[in-house]
C-alpha atoms as a PDB file:
ATOM      1  CA  UNK A   1     188.277 -68.870 126.113  1.00  0.00           C
ATOM      2  CA  UNK A   2     189.742 -66.941 123.291  1.00  0.00           C
ATOM      3  CA  UNK A   3     192.635 -68.357 121.332  1.00  0.00           C
ATOM      4  CA  UNK A   4     195.556 -66.005 120.480  1.00  0.00           C
ATOM      5  CA  UNK A   5     198.822 -66.026 118.936  1.00  0.00           C
ATOM      6  CA  UNK A   6     201.905 -63.949 119.207  1.00  0.00           C
ATOM      7  CA  UNK A   7     203.137 -61.531 116.725  1.00  0.00           C
ATOM      8  CA  UNK A   8     206.943 -61.993 116.757  1.00  0.00           C
ATOM      9  CA  UNK A   9     208.204 -58.369 115.598  1.00  0.00           C
ATOM     10  CA  UNK A  10     205.725 -56.500 117.761  1.00  0.00           C
ATOM     11  CA  UNK A  11     204.709 -58.875 120.488  1.00  0.00           C
ATOM     12  CA  UNK A  12     201.513 -57.987 120.368  1.00  0.00           C
ATOM     13  CA  UNK A  13     198.546 -60.489 120.242  1.00  0.00           C
ATOM     14  CA  UNK A  14     195.882 -60.783 117.927  1.00  0.00           C
ATOM     15  CA  UNK A  15     192.763 -63.271 117.494  1.00  0.00           C
ATOM     16  CA  UNK A  16     192.988 -65.887 115.059  1.00  0.00           C
ATOM     17  CA  UNK A  17     191.197 -65.854 111.943  1.00  0.00           C
ATOM     18  CA  UNK A  18     187.355 -66.661 112.615  1.00  0.00           C
ATOM     19  CA  UNK A  19     187.898 -66.092 116.308  1.00  0.00           C
ATOM     20  CA  UNK A  20     185.047 -63.349 117.832  1.00  0.00           C
ATOM     21  CA  UNK A  21     186.052 -59.964 118.253  1.00  0.00           C
ATOM     22  CA  UNK A  22     186.585 -58.845 122.344  1.00  0.00           C
ATOM     23  CA  UNK A  23     183.718 -57.385 123.613  1.00  0.00           C
ATOM     24  CA  UNK A  24     184.106 -53.689 124.350  1.00  0.00           C
ATOM     25  CA  UNK A  25     183.864 -52.874 128.055  1.00  0.00           C
ATOM     26  CA  UNK A  26     180.506 -51.212 128.784  1.00  0.00           C
ATOM     27  CA  UNK A  27     181.112 -47.198 129.961  1.00  0.00           C
ATOM     28  CA  UNK A  28     180.883 -46.442 133.644  1.00  0.00           C
ATOM     29  CA  UNK A  29     177.732 -44.251 134.333  1.00  0.00           C
ATOM     30  CA  UNK A  30     178.083 -40.807 134.384  1.00  0.00           C
ATOM     31  CA  UNK A  31     178.791 -39.656 137.541  1.00  0.00           C
ATOM     32  CA  UNK A  32     176.881 -36.204 138.273  1.00  0.00           C
ATOM     33  CA  UNK A  33     176.972 -33.531 141.120  1.00  0.00           C
ATOM     34  CA  UNK A  34     174.827 -32.813 143.725  1.00  0.00           C
ATOM     35  CA  UNK A  35     174.174 -29.541 142.340  1.00  0.00           C
ATOM     36  CA  UNK A  36     173.123 -31.270 138.838  1.00  0.00           C
ATOM     37  CA  UNK A  37     170.906 -33.812 140.239  1.00  0.00           C
ATOM     38  CA  UNK A  38     169.118 -31.166 142.270  1.00  0.00           C
ATOM     39  CA  UNK A  39     168.168 -29.001 139.376  1.00  0.00           C
ATOM     40  CA  UNK A  40     167.161 -32.071 137.695  1.00  0.00           C
ATOM     41  CA  UNK A  41     164.685 -33.011 140.461  1.00  0.00           C
ATOM     42  CA  UNK A  42     163.420 -29.413 140.872  1.00  0.00           C
ATOM     43  CA  UNK A  43     163.064 -29.237 136.985  1.00  0.00           C
ATOM     44  CA  UNK A  44     161.366 -32.461 136.884  1.00  0.00           C
ATOM     45  CA  UNK A  45     158.947 -31.908 139.531  1.00  0.00           C
ATOM     46  CA  UNK A  46     157.606 -28.637 138.433  1.00  0.00           C
ATOM     47  CA  UNK A  47     157.112 -30.068 134.928  1.00  0.00           C
ATOM     48  CA  UNK A  48     155.224 -32.853 136.428  1.00  0.00           C
ATOM     49  CA  UNK A  49     152.845 -30.591 138.165  1.00  0.00           C
ATOM     50  CA  UNK A  50     152.381 -28.351 135.519  1.00  0.00           C
ATOM     51  CA  UNK A  51     151.156 -31.334 133.487  1.00  0.00           C
ATOM     52  CA  UNK A  52     148.873 -32.474 136.269  1.00  0.00           C
ATOM     53  CA  UNK A  53     147.076 -29.363 137.149  1.00  0.00           C
ATOM     54  CA  UNK A  54     147.294 -27.942 133.338  1.00  0.00           C
ATOM     55  CA  UNK A  55     145.933 -31.145 132.191  1.00  0.00           C
ATOM     56  CA  UNK A  56     143.113 -30.899 134.750  1.00  0.00           C
ATOM     57  CA  UNK A  57     142.199 -27.579 134.009  1.00  0.00           C
ATOM     58  CA  UNK A  58     142.106 -28.420 130.393  1.00  0.00           C
ATOM     59  CA  UNK A  59     140.164 -31.625 130.783  1.00  0.00           C
ATOM     60  CA  UNK A  60     137.330 -29.997 132.941  1.00  0.00           C
ATOM     61  CA  UNK A  61     137.267 -26.966 130.148  1.00  0.00           C
ATOM     62  CA  UNK A  62     136.588 -28.715 127.460  1.00  0.00           C
ATOM     63  CA  UNK A  63     134.497 -31.731 128.925  1.00  0.00           C
ATOM     64  CA  UNK A  64     131.342 -30.172 129.047  1.00  0.00           C
ATOM     65  CA  UNK A  65     130.562 -30.882 132.762  1.00  0.00           C
ATOM     66  CA  UNK A  66     131.388 -34.465 132.226  1.00  0.00           C
ATOM     67  CA  UNK A  67     133.748 -35.246 135.403  1.00  0.00           C
ATOM     68  CA  UNK A  68     134.865 -38.674 133.616  1.00  0.00           C
ATOM     69  CA  UNK A  69     136.206 -37.106 130.319  1.00  0.00           C
ATOM     70  CA  UNK A  70     137.974 -34.703 132.632  1.00  0.00           C
ATOM     71  CA  UNK A  71     139.637 -37.069 134.706  1.00  0.00           C
ATOM     72  CA  UNK A  72     140.509 -39.499 131.662  1.00  0.00           C
ATOM     73  CA  UNK A  73     142.334 -36.462 130.274  1.00  0.00           C
ATOM     74  CA  UNK A  74     143.823 -35.881 133.516  1.00  0.00           C
ATOM     75  CA  UNK A  75     144.780 -39.206 134.204  1.00  0.00           C
ATOM     76  CA  UNK A  76     146.460 -39.722 130.280  1.00  0.00           C
ATOM     77  CA  UNK A  77     148.133 -36.559 130.737  1.00  0.00           C
ATOM     78  CA  UNK A  78     149.760 -37.142 134.117  1.00  0.00           C
ATOM     79  CA  UNK A  79     150.883 -41.098 133.208  1.00  0.00           C
ATOM     80  CA  UNK A  80     152.389 -39.561 129.742  1.00  0.00           C
ATOM     81  CA  UNK A  81     154.407 -36.740 131.331  1.00  0.00           C
ATOM     82  CA  UNK A  82     155.810 -39.205 133.932  1.00  0.00           C
ATOM     83  CA  UNK A  83     157.033 -41.550 131.394  1.00  0.00           C
ATOM     84  CA  UNK A  84     158.750 -38.745 129.422  1.00  0.00           C
ATOM     85  CA  UNK A  85     160.264 -37.138 132.487  1.00  0.00           C
ATOM     86  CA  UNK A  86     161.519 -40.221 134.103  1.00  0.00           C
ATOM     87  CA  UNK A  87     163.194 -40.784 130.903  1.00  0.00           C
ATOM     88  CA  UNK A  88     164.732 -37.696 130.847  1.00  0.00           C
ATOM     89  CA  UNK A  89     165.810 -37.100 134.180  1.00  0.00           C
ATOM     90  CA  UNK A  90     166.244 -40.902 135.432  1.00  0.00           C
ATOM     91  CA  UNK A  91     169.931 -40.625 134.230  1.00  0.00           C
ATOM     92  CA  UNK A  92     170.753 -37.388 135.978  1.00  0.00           C
ATOM     93  CA  UNK A  93     168.815 -37.569 139.736  1.00  0.00           C
ATOM     94  CA  UNK A  94     167.131 -40.710 139.436  1.00  0.00           C
ATOM     95  CA  UNK A  95     163.571 -38.860 138.958  1.00  0.00           C
ATOM     96  CA  UNK A  96     161.953 -39.136 142.405  1.00  0.00           C
ATOM     97  CA  UNK A  97     160.170 -35.991 141.807  1.00  0.00           C
ATOM     98  CA  UNK A  98     158.520 -37.655 145.349  1.00  0.00           C
ATOM     99  CA  UNK A  99     159.905 -37.362 148.723  1.00  0.00           C
ATOM    100  CA  UNK A 100     158.595 -41.118 149.698  1.00  0.00           C
ATOM    101  CA  UNK A 101     160.789 -42.523 146.838  1.00  0.00           C
ATOM    102  CA  UNK A 102     163.488 -40.416 147.869  1.00  0.00           C
ATOM    103  CA  UNK A 103     163.025 -41.656 151.817  1.00  0.00           C
ATOM    104  CA  UNK A 104     162.706 -45.285 150.251  1.00  0.00           C
ATOM    105  CA  UNK A 105     165.683 -45.442 148.457  1.00  0.00           C
ATOM    106  CA  UNK A 106     167.518 -43.790 151.358  1.00  0.00           C
ATOM    107  CA  UNK A 107     166.014 -46.513 153.667  1.00  0.00           C
ATOM    108  CA  UNK A 108     167.595 -48.924 151.183  1.00  0.00           C
ATOM    109  CA  UNK A 109     170.910 -47.310 150.882  1.00  0.00           C
ATOM    110  CA  UNK A 110     170.467 -46.622 147.359  1.00  0.00           C
ATOM    111  CA  UNK A 111     170.903 -42.723 148.114  1.00  0.00           C
ATOM    112  CA  UNK A 112     172.960 -41.196 150.539  1.00  0.00           C
ATOM    113  CA  UNK A 113     171.182 -39.756 153.791  1.00  0.00           C
ATOM    114  CA  UNK A 114     172.650 -36.383 153.313  1.00  0.00           C
ATOM    115  CA  UNK A 115     171.203 -35.743 150.379  1.00  0.00           C
ATOM    116  CA  UNK A 116     167.851 -36.826 151.049  1.00  0.00           C
ATOM    117  CA  UNK A 117     166.978 -32.833 152.606  1.00  0.00           C
ATOM    118  CA  UNK A 118     168.608 -31.131 149.371  1.00  0.00           C
ATOM    119  CA  UNK A 119     165.889 -33.302 147.274  1.00  0.00           C
ATOM    120  CA  UNK A 120     162.986 -32.860 149.426  1.00  0.00           C
ATOM    121  CA  UNK A 121     163.422 -29.270 149.360  1.00  0.00           C
ATOM    122  CA  UNK A 122     164.122 -28.650 145.559  1.00  0.00           C
ATOM    123  CA  UNK A 123     161.102 -30.875 145.068  1.00  0.00           C
ATOM    124  CA  UNK A 124     158.708 -28.894 147.136  1.00  0.00           C
ATOM    125  CA  UNK A 125     159.999 -25.428 145.300  1.00  0.00           C
ATOM    126  CA  UNK A 126     159.653 -27.210 142.105  1.00  0.00           C
ATOM    127  CA  UNK A 127     156.205 -28.502 142.555  1.00  0.00           C
ATOM    128  CA  UNK A 128     155.044 -25.328 143.950  1.00  0.00           C
ATOM    129  CA  UNK A 129     156.709 -23.660 140.870  1.00  0.00           C
ATOM    130  CA  UNK A 130     154.951 -25.904 138.673  1.00  0.00           C
ATOM    131  CA  UNK A 131     151.337 -25.394 139.731  1.00  0.00           C
ATOM    132  CA  UNK A 132     151.596 -21.363 139.660  1.00  0.00           C
ATOM    133  CA  UNK A 133     153.352 -21.749 135.670  1.00  0.00           C
ATOM    134  CA  UNK A 134     149.704 -23.703 135.152  1.00  0.00           C
ATOM    135  CA  UNK A 135     147.585 -21.120 136.757  1.00  0.00           C
ATOM    136  CA  UNK A 136     149.296 -18.487 134.724  1.00  0.00           C
ATOM    137  CA  UNK A 137     149.408 -20.680 131.804  1.00  0.00           C
ATOM    138  CA  UNK A 138     145.366 -20.917 131.855  1.00  0.00           C
ATOM    139  CA  UNK A 139     144.888 -17.017 132.784  1.00  0.00           C
ATOM    140  CA  UNK A 140     143.863 -17.803 136.449  1.00  0.00           C
ATOM    141  CA  UNK A 141     145.307 -16.025 139.582  1.00  0.00           C
ATOM    142  CA  UNK A 142     148.794 -17.000 140.026  1.00  0.00           C
ATOM    143  CA  UNK A 143     148.606 -16.868 143.727  1.00  0.00           C
ATOM    144  CA  UNK A 144     145.548 -18.771 145.567  1.00  0.00           C
ATOM    145  CA  UNK A 145     143.915 -21.726 147.450  1.00  0.00           C
ATOM    146  CA  UNK A 146     142.092 -24.487 146.671  1.00  0.00           C
ATOM    147  CA  UNK A 147     138.456 -25.344 148.015  1.00  0.00           C
ATOM    148  CA  UNK A 148     137.934 -28.720 146.823  1.00  0.00           C
ATOM    149  CA  UNK A 149     137.121 -31.158 149.589  1.00  0.00           C
ATOM    150  CA  UNK A 150     139.391 -34.126 149.866  1.00  0.00           C
ATOM    151  CA  UNK A 151     138.964 -35.551 153.214  1.00  0.00           C
ATOM    152  CA  UNK A 152     137.734 -38.922 154.843  1.00  0.00           C
ATOM    153  CA  UNK A 153     138.785 -42.457 155.575  1.00  0.00           C
ATOM    154  CA  UNK A 154     138.366 -43.759 152.270  1.00  0.00           C
ATOM    155  CA  UNK A 155     140.617 -41.367 150.447  1.00  0.00           C
ATOM    156  CA  UNK A 156     143.002 -41.515 153.303  1.00  0.00           C
ATOM    157  CA  UNK A 157     143.208 -45.387 153.028  1.00  0.00           C
ATOM    158  CA  UNK A 158     143.120 -44.915 149.165  1.00  0.00           C
ATOM    159  CA  UNK A 159     146.276 -42.816 149.687  1.00  0.00           C
ATOM    160  CA  UNK A 160     148.288 -45.194 151.564  1.00  0.00           C
ATOM    161  CA  UNK A 161     147.224 -48.244 149.347  1.00  0.00           C
ATOM    162  CA  UNK A 162     148.109 -45.876 146.136  1.00  0.00           C
ATOM    163  CA  UNK A 163     151.626 -44.794 147.635  1.00  0.00           C
ATOM    164  CA  UNK A 164     152.343 -48.303 148.647  1.00  0.00           C
ATOM    165  CA  UNK A 165     151.829 -49.750 145.257  1.00  0.00           C
ATOM    166  CA  UNK A 166     153.679 -47.163 143.567  1.00  0.00           C
ATOM    167  CA  UNK A 167     156.713 -47.986 145.748  1.00  0.00           C
ATOM    168  CA  UNK A 168     155.872 -51.307 145.125  1.00  0.00           C
ATOM    169  CA  UNK A 169     156.016 -50.989 141.337  1.00  0.00           C
ATOM    170  CA  UNK A 170     159.074 -49.094 141.384  1.00  0.00           C
ATOM    171  CA  UNK A 171     161.217 -51.057 143.504  1.00  0.00           C
ATOM    172  CA  UNK A 172     160.195 -54.273 141.662  1.00  0.00           C
ATOM    173  CA  UNK A 173     160.520 -53.106 138.544  1.00  0.00           C
ATOM    174  CA  UNK A 174     163.871 -51.540 138.942  1.00  0.00           C
ATOM    175  CA  UNK A 175     165.396 -54.634 139.990  1.00  0.00           C
ATOM    176  CA  UNK A 176     164.072 -56.864 137.367  1.00  0.00           C
ATOM    177  CA  UNK A 177     163.622 -54.613 134.202  1.00  0.00           C
ATOM    178  CA  UNK A 178     165.338 -51.264 135.034  1.00  0.00           C
ATOM    179  CA  UNK A 179     164.837 -50.003 131.672  1.00  0.00           C
ATOM    180  CA  UNK A 180     160.840 -50.332 132.011  1.00  0.00           C
ATOM    181  CA  UNK A 181     160.611 -48.361 135.227  1.00  0.00           C
ATOM    182  CA  UNK A 182     159.136 -44.840 133.188  1.00  0.00           C
ATOM    183  CA  UNK A 183     156.425 -47.017 131.821  1.00  0.00           C
ATOM    184  CA  UNK A 184     155.584 -49.136 134.797  1.00  0.00           C
ATOM    185  CA  UNK A 185     155.453 -45.994 136.869  1.00  0.00           C
ATOM    186  CA  UNK A 186     153.406 -44.337 134.069  1.00  0.00           C
ATOM    187  CA  UNK A 187     150.922 -47.008 133.854  1.00  0.00           C
ATOM    188  CA  UNK A 188     150.560 -47.427 137.422  1.00  0.00           C
ATOM    189  CA  UNK A 189     149.639 -43.957 138.320  1.00  0.00           C
ATOM    190  CA  UNK A 190     147.445 -43.582 135.515  1.00  0.00           C
ATOM    191  CA  UNK A 191     145.434 -46.729 136.663  1.00  0.00           C
ATOM    192  CA  UNK A 192     145.609 -45.527 140.149  1.00  0.00           C
ATOM    193  CA  UNK A 193     143.598 -42.409 139.150  1.00  0.00           C
ATOM    194  CA  UNK A 194     140.648 -44.634 138.604  1.00  0.00           C
ATOM    195  CA  UNK A 195     140.956 -47.578 141.600  1.00  0.00           C
ATOM    196  CA  UNK A 196     141.031 -45.109 144.109  1.00  0.00           C
ATOM    197  CA  UNK A 197     138.663 -42.517 145.688  1.00  0.00           C
ATOM    198  CA  UNK A 198     141.416 -40.264 146.063  1.00  0.00           C
ATOM    199  CA  UNK A 199     142.558 -40.124 142.638  1.00  0.00           C
ATOM    200  CA  UNK A 200     146.045 -41.784 143.487  1.00  0.00           C
ATOM    201  CA  UNK A 201     148.269 -38.083 144.718  1.00  0.00           C
ATOM    202  CA  UNK A 202     150.650 -40.897 146.343  1.00  0.00           C
ATOM    203  CA  UNK A 203     153.264 -37.753 146.922  1.00  0.00           C
ATOM    204  CA  UNK A 204     153.385 -35.156 149.674  1.00  0.00           C
ATOM    205  CA  UNK A 205     154.950 -33.144 147.316  1.00  0.00           C
ATOM    206  CA  UNK A 206     152.033 -33.344 144.940  1.00  0.00           C
ATOM    207  CA  UNK A 207     149.713 -32.871 147.529  1.00  0.00           C
ATOM    208  CA  UNK A 208     150.998 -29.495 148.848  1.00  0.00           C
ATOM    209  CA  UNK A 209     151.556 -28.105 145.612  1.00  0.00           C
ATOM    210  CA  UNK A 210     148.090 -28.806 144.551  1.00  0.00           C
ATOM    211  CA  UNK A 211     146.322 -27.283 147.448  1.00  0.00           C
ATOM    212  CA  UNK A 212     147.395 -23.690 145.642  1.00  0.00           C
ATOM    213  CA  UNK A 213     145.172 -24.110 142.498  1.00  0.00           C
ATOM    214  CA  UNK A 214     141.454 -23.843 142.890  1.00  0.00           C
ATOM    215  CA  UNK A 215     140.653 -25.910 140.052  1.00  0.00           C
ATOM    216  CA  UNK A 216     139.874 -29.894 138.844  1.00  0.00           C
ATOM    217  CA  UNK A 217     143.701 -31.179 140.661  1.00  0.00           C
ATOM    218  CA  UNK A 218     143.010 -29.094 143.675  1.00  0.00           C
ATOM    219  CA  UNK A 219     142.569 -30.216 147.336  1.00  0.00           C
ATOM    220  CA  UNK A 220     141.651 -27.726 150.112  1.00  0.00           C
ATOM    221  CA  UNK A 221     144.942 -26.953 152.709  1.00  0.00           C
ATOM    222  CA  UNK A 222     143.104 -28.250 155.455  1.00  0.00           C
ATOM    223  CA  UNK A 223     142.802 -31.451 153.843  1.00  0.00           C
ATOM    224  CA  UNK A 224     146.812 -31.823 152.918  1.00  0.00           C
ATOM    225  CA  UNK A 225     147.531 -33.252 156.382  1.00  0.00           C
ATOM    226  CA  UNK A 226     145.469 -36.128 156.375  1.00  0.00           C
ATOM    227  CA  UNK A 227     146.684 -36.917 152.813  1.00  0.00           C
ATOM    228  CA  UNK A 228     150.290 -36.644 153.993  1.00  0.00           C
ATOM    229  CA  UNK A 229     150.193 -38.947 156.932  1.00  0.00           C
ATOM    230  CA  UNK A 230     147.996 -41.620 154.994  1.00  0.00           C
ATOM    231  CA  UNK A 231     151.278 -41.278 152.362  1.00  0.00           C
ATOM    232  CA  UNK A 232     153.624 -41.396 154.809  1.00  0.00           C
ATOM    233  CA  UNK A 233     151.781 -44.744 156.533  1.00  0.00           C
ATOM    234  CA  UNK A 234     152.031 -46.387 152.718  1.00  0.00           C
ATOM    235  CA  UNK A 235     155.596 -45.496 152.475  1.00  0.00           C
ATOM    236  CA  UNK A 236     156.670 -47.059 155.523  1.00  0.00           C
ATOM    237  CA  UNK A 237     154.827 -50.117 155.108  1.00  0.00           C
ATOM    238  CA  UNK A 238     156.113 -50.477 151.428  1.00  0.00           C
ATOM    239  CA  UNK A 239     159.998 -49.762 152.564  1.00  0.00           C
ATOM    240  CA  UNK A 240     159.941 -52.368 155.550  1.00  0.00           C
ATOM    241  CA  UNK A 241     157.747 -55.286 153.030  1.00  0.00           C
ATOM    242  CA  UNK A 242     160.318 -54.593 150.187  1.00  0.00           C
ATOM    243  CA  UNK A 243     163.336 -54.638 152.027  1.00  0.00           C
ATOM    244  CA  UNK A 244     162.278 -58.170 152.628  1.00  0.00           C
ATOM    245  CA  UNK A 245     160.773 -58.766 149.563  1.00  0.00           C
ATOM    246  CA  UNK A 246     163.129 -57.427 146.955  1.00  0.00           C
ATOM    247  CA  UNK A 247     166.342 -56.930 149.418  1.00  0.00           C
ATOM    248  CA  UNK A 248     168.870 -53.916 147.829  1.00  0.00           C
ATOM    249  CA  UNK A 249     171.930 -55.337 146.444  1.00  0.00           C
ATOM    250  CA  UNK A 250     174.952 -54.568 148.590  1.00  0.00           C
ATOM    251  CA  UNK A 251     176.900 -51.429 147.823  1.00  0.00           C
ATOM    252  CA  UNK A 252     173.983 -50.784 145.284  1.00  0.00           C
ATOM    253  CA  UNK A 253     173.168 -47.122 144.344  1.00  0.00           C
ATOM    254  CA  UNK A 254     170.599 -45.724 141.604  1.00  0.00           C
ATOM    255  CA  UNK A 255     172.500 -42.675 141.510  1.00  0.00           C
ATOM    256  CA  UNK A 256     176.417 -42.530 140.711  1.00  0.00           C
ATOM    257  CA  UNK A 257     178.215 -39.375 142.075  1.00  0.00           C
ATOM    258  CA  UNK A 258     180.957 -37.173 141.593  1.00  0.00           C
ATOM    259  CA  UNK A 259     183.994 -37.803 143.839  1.00  0.00           C
END
């Protein structure tokens, strides 16, 4: 305990010479209004989809038909973009960019349920705008749908596993080392591009939006439902498992809100 002595003429107290100075209290997290958080989610999701689709187009054009090189470019750009976007928007909205993350955090009482639908709507709108922006940047028709086939039990199982893994990494790292979430998520998605046959969409909004580009990152509209159902299954398993494995702290919240 720090020792102090009285200053008779003022009644104030000060530390004895040589005593350690008192630590300044940590500033409280800056509260964010719902409108700011929604803009953050929408803009972040748009930039993420622009990175996913745009890097896929560029990789395919420059790889000379070598699909491994194209996938490497796509995965590295996506992982790097995720790190940067989570670091940028995490302090504002939590940087979900993904409905399964939003639902998982709400189920853990780390996000108010009343915010789930607004988050979902801006994620979807931002994702679609991001895909259209990528199409336009590479001089392709802005409005189109994909013809790339992505279906079958193996790819559905890949999506369920990829989504389960994503939420496990996110929640586990957020609990143990919150400052490392962006690098963990970016690294996991980069790796999951390669260890899943579906190239790890792991995000319903990303899946729907990628149906709107007939490029390397696309998916046929008729294949979207199978991917989304598999992702929801993986998210449900992860949420139940993590509720026991990494229980949330009482009264925890990932996003400080304005009163």
